[in-house]
Amino acid sequence: MKELKLTKEYITLGQLLKACDLVMDGGEAKERIQAGEASVNGEVDTRRGRKLYPEDVVSFDGSEIKVVR
């Protein structure tokens, strides 16, 4: 499982996917998130603006990313 260290209070789901190089750009992030390809803490979430905080775990395209402080 990869970890993404926060530099602010939170990061959005779309920003996380871009920061981890799982998508090429925001447009791809938007399409794939809305298609139900991302889950947060085991539940599918279709909002690219979903705020992620420490201890949240994102699953996407076979990868798992844990948000840490």
PDB file of N, CA and C in Angstrom:
ATOM      1  N   MET A   1       0.852  -1.171   0.000  1.00  0.00           N
ATOM      2  CA  MET A   1       0.000   0.000   0.000  1.00  0.00           C
ATOM      3  C   MET A   1       0.908   1.248   0.000  1.00  0.00           C
ATOM      4  N   LYS A   2       0.617   2.152  -0.922  1.00  0.00           N
ATOM      5  CA  LYS A   2       1.345   3.409  -0.978  1.00  0.00           C
ATOM      6  C   LYS A   2       0.763   4.367   0.052  1.00  0.00           C
ATOM      7  N   GLU A   3       1.571   5.354   0.427  1.00  0.00           N
ATOM      8  CA  GLU A   3       1.089   6.391   1.338  1.00  0.00           C
ATOM      9  C   GLU A   3       1.286   7.743   0.678  1.00  0.00           C
ATOM     10  N   LEU A   4       0.334   8.635   0.905  1.00  0.00           N
ATOM     11  CA  LEU A   4       0.433  10.011   0.427  1.00  0.00           C
ATOM     12  C   LEU A   4       0.391  10.916   1.641  1.00  0.00           C
ATOM     13  N   LYS A   5       1.465  11.675   1.832  1.00  0.00           N
ATOM     14  CA  LYS A   5       1.559  12.562   2.981  1.00  0.00           C
ATOM     15  C   LYS A   5       0.895  13.899   2.658  1.00  0.00           C
ATOM     16  N   LEU A   6      -0.007  14.307   3.535  1.00  0.00           N
ATOM     17  CA  LEU A   6      -0.709  15.577   3.360  1.00  0.00           C
ATOM     18  C   LEU A   6       0.192  16.750   3.705  1.00  0.00           C
ATOM     19  N   THR A   7       0.072  17.822   2.915  1.00  0.00           N
ATOM     20  CA  THR A   7       0.769  19.061   3.240  1.00  0.00           C
ATOM     21  C   THR A   7      -0.238  20.122   3.679  1.00  0.00           C
ATOM     22  N   LYS A   8      -1.525  19.816   3.511  1.00  0.00           N
ATOM     23  CA  LYS A   8      -2.620  20.701   3.921  1.00  0.00           C
ATOM     24  C   LYS A   8      -3.565  19.897   4.802  1.00  0.00           C
ATOM     25  N   GLU A   9      -4.709  20.500   5.121  1.00  0.00           N
ATOM     26  CA  GLU A   9      -5.683  19.822   5.984  1.00  0.00           C
ATOM     27  C   GLU A   9      -6.275  18.585   5.305  1.00  0.00           C
ATOM     28  N   TYR A  10      -6.490  18.672   3.988  1.00  0.00           N
ATOM     29  CA  TYR A  10      -7.092  17.566   3.244  1.00  0.00           C
ATOM     30  C   TYR A  10      -6.623  17.642   1.794  1.00  0.00           C
ATOM     31  N   ILE A  11      -6.953  16.592   1.034  1.00  0.00           N
ATOM     32  CA  ILE A  11      -6.722  16.567  -0.406  1.00  0.00           C
ATOM     33  C   ILE A  11      -7.989  15.993  -1.025  1.00  0.00           C
ATOM     34  N   THR A  12      -8.336  16.438  -2.230  1.00  0.00           N
ATOM     35  CA  THR A  12      -9.526  15.882  -2.866  1.00  0.00           C
ATOM     36  C   THR A  12      -9.169  14.581  -3.583  1.00  0.00           C
ATOM     37  N   LEU A  13     -10.181  13.801  -3.858  1.00  0.00           N
ATOM     38  CA  LEU A  13      -9.980  12.521  -4.532  1.00  0.00           C
ATOM     39  C   LEU A  13      -9.307  12.714  -5.892  1.00  0.00           C
ATOM     40  N   GLY A  14      -9.775  13.683  -6.661  1.00  0.00           N
ATOM     41  CA  GLY A  14      -9.173  13.941  -7.968  1.00  0.00           C
ATOM     42  C   GLY A  14      -7.718  14.363  -7.850  1.00  0.00           C
ATOM     43  N   GLN A  15      -7.399  15.212  -6.882  1.00  0.00           N
ATOM     44  CA  GLN A  15      -6.026  15.659  -6.674  1.00  0.00           C
ATOM     45  C   GLN A  15      -5.128  14.490  -6.269  1.00  0.00           C
ATOM     46  N   LEU A  16      -5.649  13.601  -5.440  1.00  0.00           N
ATOM     47  CA  LEU A  16      -4.864  12.448  -5.012  1.00  0.00           C
ATOM     48  C   LEU A  16      -4.505  11.566  -6.199  1.00  0.00           C
ATOM     49  N   LEU A  17      -5.471  11.298  -7.066  1.00  0.00           N
ATOM     50  CA  LEU A  17      -5.194  10.452  -8.227  1.00  0.00           C
ATOM     51  C   LEU A  17      -4.132  11.064  -9.120  1.00  0.00           C
ATOM     52  N   LYS A  18      -4.170  12.382  -9.288  1.00  0.00           N
ATOM     53  CA  LYS A  18      -3.149  13.066 -10.086  1.00  0.00           C
ATOM     54  C   LYS A  18      -1.804  13.043  -9.379  1.00  0.00           C
ATOM     55  N   ALA A  19      -1.792  13.304  -8.075  1.00  0.00           N
ATOM     56  CA  ALA A  19      -0.544  13.355  -7.309  1.00  0.00           C
ATOM     57  C   ALA A  19       0.176  12.005  -7.300  1.00  0.00           C
ATOM     58  N   CYS A  20      -0.588  10.924  -7.358  1.00  0.00           N
ATOM     59  CA  CYS A  20      -0.006   9.574  -7.346  1.00  0.00           C
ATOM     60  C   CYS A  20       0.240   9.039  -8.758  1.00  0.00           C
ATOM     61  N   ASP A  21       0.059   9.893  -9.765  1.00  0.00           N
ATOM     62  CA  ASP A  21       0.264   9.522 -11.171  1.00  0.00           C
ATOM     63  C   ASP A  21      -0.599   8.341 -11.613  1.00  0.00           C
ATOM     64  N   LEU A  22      -1.818   8.277 -11.092  1.00  0.00           N
ATOM     65  CA  LEU A  22      -2.745   7.213 -11.488  1.00  0.00           C
ATOM     66  C   LEU A  22      -3.610   7.636 -12.665  1.00  0.00           C
ATOM     67  N   VAL A  23      -3.659   8.937 -12.934  1.00  0.00           N
ATOM     68  CA  VAL A  23      -4.366   9.485 -14.100  1.00  0.00           C
ATOM     69  C   VAL A  23      -3.465  10.538 -14.734  1.00  0.00           C
ATOM     70  N   MET A  24      -3.725  10.857 -16.001  1.00  0.00           N
ATOM     71  CA  MET A  24      -2.904  11.824 -16.718  1.00  0.00           C
ATOM     72  C   MET A  24      -3.254  13.268 -16.355  1.00  0.00           C
ATOM     73  N   ASP A  25      -4.562  13.539 -16.144  1.00  0.00           N
ATOM     74  CA  ASP A  25      -4.980  14.914 -15.870  1.00  0.00           C
ATOM     75  C   ASP A  25      -6.325  14.912 -15.157  1.00  0.00           C
ATOM     76  N   GLY A  26      -6.783  16.119 -14.842  1.00  0.00           N
ATOM     77  CA  GLY A  26      -8.045  16.252 -14.125  1.00  0.00           C
ATOM     78  C   GLY A  26      -9.241  15.739 -14.891  1.00  0.00           C
ATOM     79  N   GLY A  27      -9.200  15.860 -16.215  1.00  0.00           N
ATOM     80  CA  GLY A  27     -10.308  15.362 -17.041  1.00  0.00           C
ATOM     81  C   GLY A  27     -10.452  13.855 -16.937  1.00  0.00           C
ATOM     82  N   GLU A  28      -9.328  13.169 -16.989  1.00  0.00           N
ATOM     83  CA  GLU A  28      -9.372  11.705 -16.849  1.00  0.00           C
ATOM     84  C   GLU A  28      -9.826  11.321 -15.448  1.00  0.00           C
ATOM     85  N   ALA A  29      -9.338  12.046 -14.451  1.00  0.00           N
ATOM     86  CA  ALA A  29      -9.756  11.769 -13.067  1.00  0.00           C
ATOM     87  C   ALA A  29     -11.269  11.902 -12.936  1.00  0.00           C
ATOM     88  N   LYS A  30     -11.816  12.983 -13.472  1.00  0.00           N
ATOM     89  CA  LYS A  30     -13.257  13.225 -13.395  1.00  0.00           C
ATOM     90  C   LYS A  30     -14.040  12.081 -14.037  1.00  0.00           C
ATOM     91  N   GLU A  31     -13.660  11.692 -15.245  1.00  0.00           N
ATOM     92  CA  GLU A  31     -14.372  10.627 -15.953  1.00  0.00           C
ATOM     93  C   GLU A  31     -14.326   9.306 -15.200  1.00  0.00           C
ATOM     94  N   ARG A  32     -13.142   8.933 -14.737  1.00  0.00           N
ATOM     95  CA  ARG A  32     -12.998   7.629 -14.096  1.00  0.00           C
ATOM     96  C   ARG A  32     -13.646   7.584 -12.713  1.00  0.00           C
ATOM     97  N   ILE A  33     -13.594   8.704 -11.998  1.00  0.00           N
ATOM     98  CA  ILE A  33     -14.267   8.751 -10.694  1.00  0.00           C
ATOM     99  C   ILE A  33     -15.774   8.676 -10.889  1.00  0.00           C
ATOM    100  N   GLN A  34     -16.310   9.440 -11.843  1.00  0.00           N
ATOM    101  CA  GLN A  34     -17.753   9.417 -12.100  1.00  0.00           C
ATOM    102  C   GLN A  34     -18.225   8.067 -12.620  1.00  0.00           C
ATOM    103  N   ALA A  35     -17.311   7.308 -13.231  1.00  0.00           N
ATOM    104  CA  ALA A  35     -17.652   5.968 -13.718  1.00  0.00           C
ATOM    105  C   ALA A  35     -17.643   4.938 -12.591  1.00  0.00           C
ATOM    106  N   GLY A  36     -17.317   5.383 -11.373  1.00  0.00           N
ATOM    107  CA  GLY A  36     -17.348   4.473 -10.225  1.00  0.00           C
ATOM    108  C   GLY A  36     -16.104   3.634 -10.063  1.00  0.00           C
ATOM    109  N   GLU A  37     -14.982   4.086 -10.615  1.00  0.00           N
ATOM    110  CA  GLU A  37     -13.749   3.300 -10.556  1.00  0.00           C
ATOM    111  C   GLU A  37     -12.942   3.515  -9.286  1.00  0.00           C
ATOM    112  N   ALA A  38     -13.314   4.488  -8.458  1.00  0.00           N
ATOM    113  CA  ALA A  38     -12.560   4.780  -7.231  1.00  0.00           C
ATOM    114  C   ALA A  38     -13.413   4.472  -6.007  1.00  0.00           C
ATOM    115  N   SER A  39     -12.761   3.958  -4.983  1.00  0.00           N
ATOM    116  CA  SER A  39     -13.475   3.759  -3.725  1.00  0.00           C
ATOM    117  C   SER A  39     -12.656   4.362  -2.584  1.00  0.00           C
ATOM    118  N   VAL A  40     -13.376   4.848  -1.589  1.00  0.00           N
ATOM    119  CA  VAL A  40     -12.768   5.449  -0.406  1.00  0.00           C
ATOM    120  C   VAL A  40     -13.236   4.654   0.799  1.00  0.00           C
ATOM    121  N   ASN A  41     -12.294   4.109   1.524  1.00  0.00           N
ATOM    122  CA  ASN A  41     -12.598   3.298   2.716  1.00  0.00           C
ATOM    123  C   ASN A  41     -13.584   2.173   2.388  1.00  0.00           C
ATOM    124  N   GLY A  42     -13.388   1.564   1.226  1.00  0.00           N
ATOM    125  CA  GLY A  42     -14.189   0.406   0.843  1.00  0.00           C
ATOM    126  C   GLY A  42     -15.514   0.703   0.174  1.00  0.00           C
ATOM    127  N   GLU A  43     -15.855   1.973  -0.002  1.00  0.00           N
ATOM    128  CA  GLU A  43     -17.130   2.330  -0.632  1.00  0.00           C
ATOM    129  C   GLU A  43     -16.884   3.171  -1.885  1.00  0.00           C
ATOM    130  N   VAL A  44     -17.554   2.827  -2.977  1.00  0.00           N
ATOM    131  CA  VAL A  44     -17.413   3.589  -4.222  1.00  0.00           C
ATOM    132  C   VAL A  44     -17.865   5.025  -3.981  1.00  0.00           C
ATOM    133  N   ASP A  45     -17.053   5.964  -4.470  1.00  0.00           N
ATOM    134  CA  ASP A  45     -17.398   7.382  -4.352  1.00  0.00           C
ATOM    135  C   ASP A  45     -17.223   8.022  -5.718  1.00  0.00           C
ATOM    136  N   THR A  46     -18.251   8.696  -6.203  1.00  0.00           N
ATOM    137  CA  THR A  46     -18.227   9.279  -7.549  1.00  0.00           C
ATOM    138  C   THR A  46     -18.004  10.788  -7.526  1.00  0.00           C
ATOM    139  N   ARG A  47     -17.547  11.325  -6.402  1.00  0.00           N
ATOM    140  CA  ARG A  47     -17.306  12.769  -6.283  1.00  0.00           C
ATOM    141  C   ARG A  47     -15.809  13.046  -6.321  1.00  0.00           C
ATOM    142  N   ARG A  48     -15.345  13.710  -7.375  1.00  0.00           N
ATOM    143  CA  ARG A  48     -13.902  13.979  -7.443  1.00  0.00           C
ATOM    144  C   ARG A  48     -13.484  14.998  -6.398  1.00  0.00           C
ATOM    145  N   GLY A  49     -14.435  15.774  -5.887  1.00  0.00           N
ATOM    146  CA  GLY A  49     -14.149  16.752  -4.845  1.00  0.00           C
ATOM    147  C   GLY A  49     -14.216  16.189  -3.442  1.00  0.00           C
ATOM    148  N   ARG A  50     -14.413  14.895  -3.327  1.00  0.00           N
ATOM    149  CA  ARG A  50     -14.469  14.240  -2.003  1.00  0.00           C
ATOM    150  C   ARG A  50     -13.206  14.578  -1.231  1.00  0.00           C
ATOM    151  N   LYS A  51     -13.363  15.126  -0.037  1.00  0.00           N
ATOM    152  CA  LYS A  51     -12.217  15.489   0.786  1.00  0.00           C
ATOM    153  C   LYS A  51     -11.680  14.259   1.502  1.00  0.00           C
ATOM    154  N   LEU A  52     -10.386  14.089   1.426  1.00  0.00           N
ATOM    155  CA  LEU A  52      -9.713  12.963   2.059  1.00  0.00           C
ATOM    156  C   LEU A  52      -8.832  13.475   3.183  1.00  0.00           C
ATOM    157  N   TYR A  53      -8.897  12.790   4.307  1.00  0.00           N
ATOM    158  CA  TYR A  53      -8.166  13.171   5.507  1.00  0.00           C
ATOM    159  C   TYR A  53      -7.270  12.008   5.931  1.00  0.00           C
ATOM    160  N   PRO A  54      -6.349  12.253   6.885  1.00  0.00           N
ATOM    161  CA  PRO A  54      -5.485  11.161   7.341  1.00  0.00           C
ATOM    162  C   PRO A  54      -6.291   9.921   7.733  1.00  0.00           C
ATOM    163  N   GLU A  55      -5.748   8.783   7.378  1.00  0.00           N
ATOM    164  CA  GLU A  55      -6.311   7.446   7.621  1.00  0.00           C
ATOM    165  C   GLU A  55      -7.302   7.006   6.558  1.00  0.00           C
ATOM    166  N   ASP A  56      -7.722   7.885   5.640  1.00  0.00           N
ATOM    167  CA  ASP A  56      -8.573   7.448   4.534  1.00  0.00           C
ATOM    168  C   ASP A  56      -7.743   6.577   3.590  1.00  0.00           C
ATOM    169  N   VAL A  57      -8.386   5.552   3.032  1.00  0.00           N
ATOM    170  CA  VAL A  57      -7.719   4.658   2.088  1.00  0.00           C
ATOM    171  C   VAL A  57      -8.492   4.679   0.775  1.00  0.00           C
ATOM    172  N   VAL A  58      -7.776   4.976  -0.306  1.00  0.00           N
ATOM    173  CA  VAL A  58      -8.376   5.046  -1.633  1.00  0.00           C
ATOM    174  C   VAL A  58      -7.927   3.825  -2.435  1.00  0.00           C
ATOM    175  N   SER A  59      -8.875   3.162  -3.076  1.00  0.00           N
ATOM    176  CA  SER A  59      -8.576   2.053  -3.990  1.00  0.00           C
ATOM    177  C   SER A  59      -8.928   2.501  -5.394  1.00  0.00           C
ATOM    178  N   PHE A  60      -7.971   2.300  -6.317  1.00  0.00           N
ATOM    179  CA  PHE A  60      -8.176   2.738  -7.694  1.00  0.00           C
ATOM    180  C   PHE A  60      -7.270   1.947  -8.619  1.00  0.00           C
ATOM    181  N   ASP A  61      -7.853   1.310  -9.614  1.00  0.00           N
ATOM    182  CA  ASP A  61      -7.092   0.642 -10.670  1.00  0.00           C
ATOM    183  C   ASP A  61      -6.045  -0.318 -10.112  1.00  0.00           C
ATOM    184  N   GLY A  62      -6.410  -1.075  -9.094  1.00  0.00           N
ATOM    185  CA  GLY A  62      -5.499  -2.067  -8.518  1.00  0.00           C
ATOM    186  C   GLY A  62      -4.515  -1.515  -7.501  1.00  0.00           C
ATOM    187  N   SER A  63      -4.564  -0.222  -7.228  1.00  0.00           N
ATOM    188  CA  SER A  63      -3.675   0.402  -6.250  1.00  0.00           C
ATOM    189  C   SER A  63      -4.447   0.830  -5.013  1.00  0.00           C
ATOM    190  N   GLU A  64      -3.771   0.818  -3.874  1.00  0.00           N
ATOM    191  CA  GLU A  64      -4.354   1.336  -2.643  1.00  0.00           C
ATOM    192  C   GLU A  64      -3.428   2.415  -2.108  1.00  0.00           C
ATOM    193  N   ILE A  65      -4.006   3.554  -1.749  1.00  0.00           N
ATOM    194  CA  ILE A  65      -3.249   4.683  -1.244  1.00  0.00           C
ATOM    195  C   ILE A  65      -3.842   5.090   0.090  1.00  0.00           C
ATOM    196  N   LYS A  66      -3.004   5.166   1.099  1.00  0.00           N
ATOM    197  CA  LYS A  66      -3.435   5.619   2.426  1.00  0.00           C
ATOM    198  C   LYS A  66      -2.981   7.058   2.613  1.00  0.00           C
ATOM    199  N   VAL A  67      -3.898   7.912   3.043  1.00  0.00           N
ATOM    200  CA  VAL A  67      -3.586   9.306   3.307  1.00  0.00           C
ATOM    201  C   VAL A  67      -3.021   9.391   4.724  1.00  0.00           C
ATOM    202  N   VAL A  68      -1.847  10.021   4.863  1.00  0.00           N
ATOM    203  CA  VAL A  68      -1.216  10.159   6.166  1.00  0.00           C
ATOM    204  C   VAL A  68      -0.877  11.621   6.431  1.00  0.00           C
ATOM    205  N   ARG A  69      -0.677  11.961   7.683  1.00  0.00           N
ATOM    206  CA  ARG A  69      -0.333  13.331   8.069  1.00  0.00           C
ATOM    207  C   ARG A  69       1.143  13.529   7.901  1.00  0.00           C
TER     208      ARG A  69
END
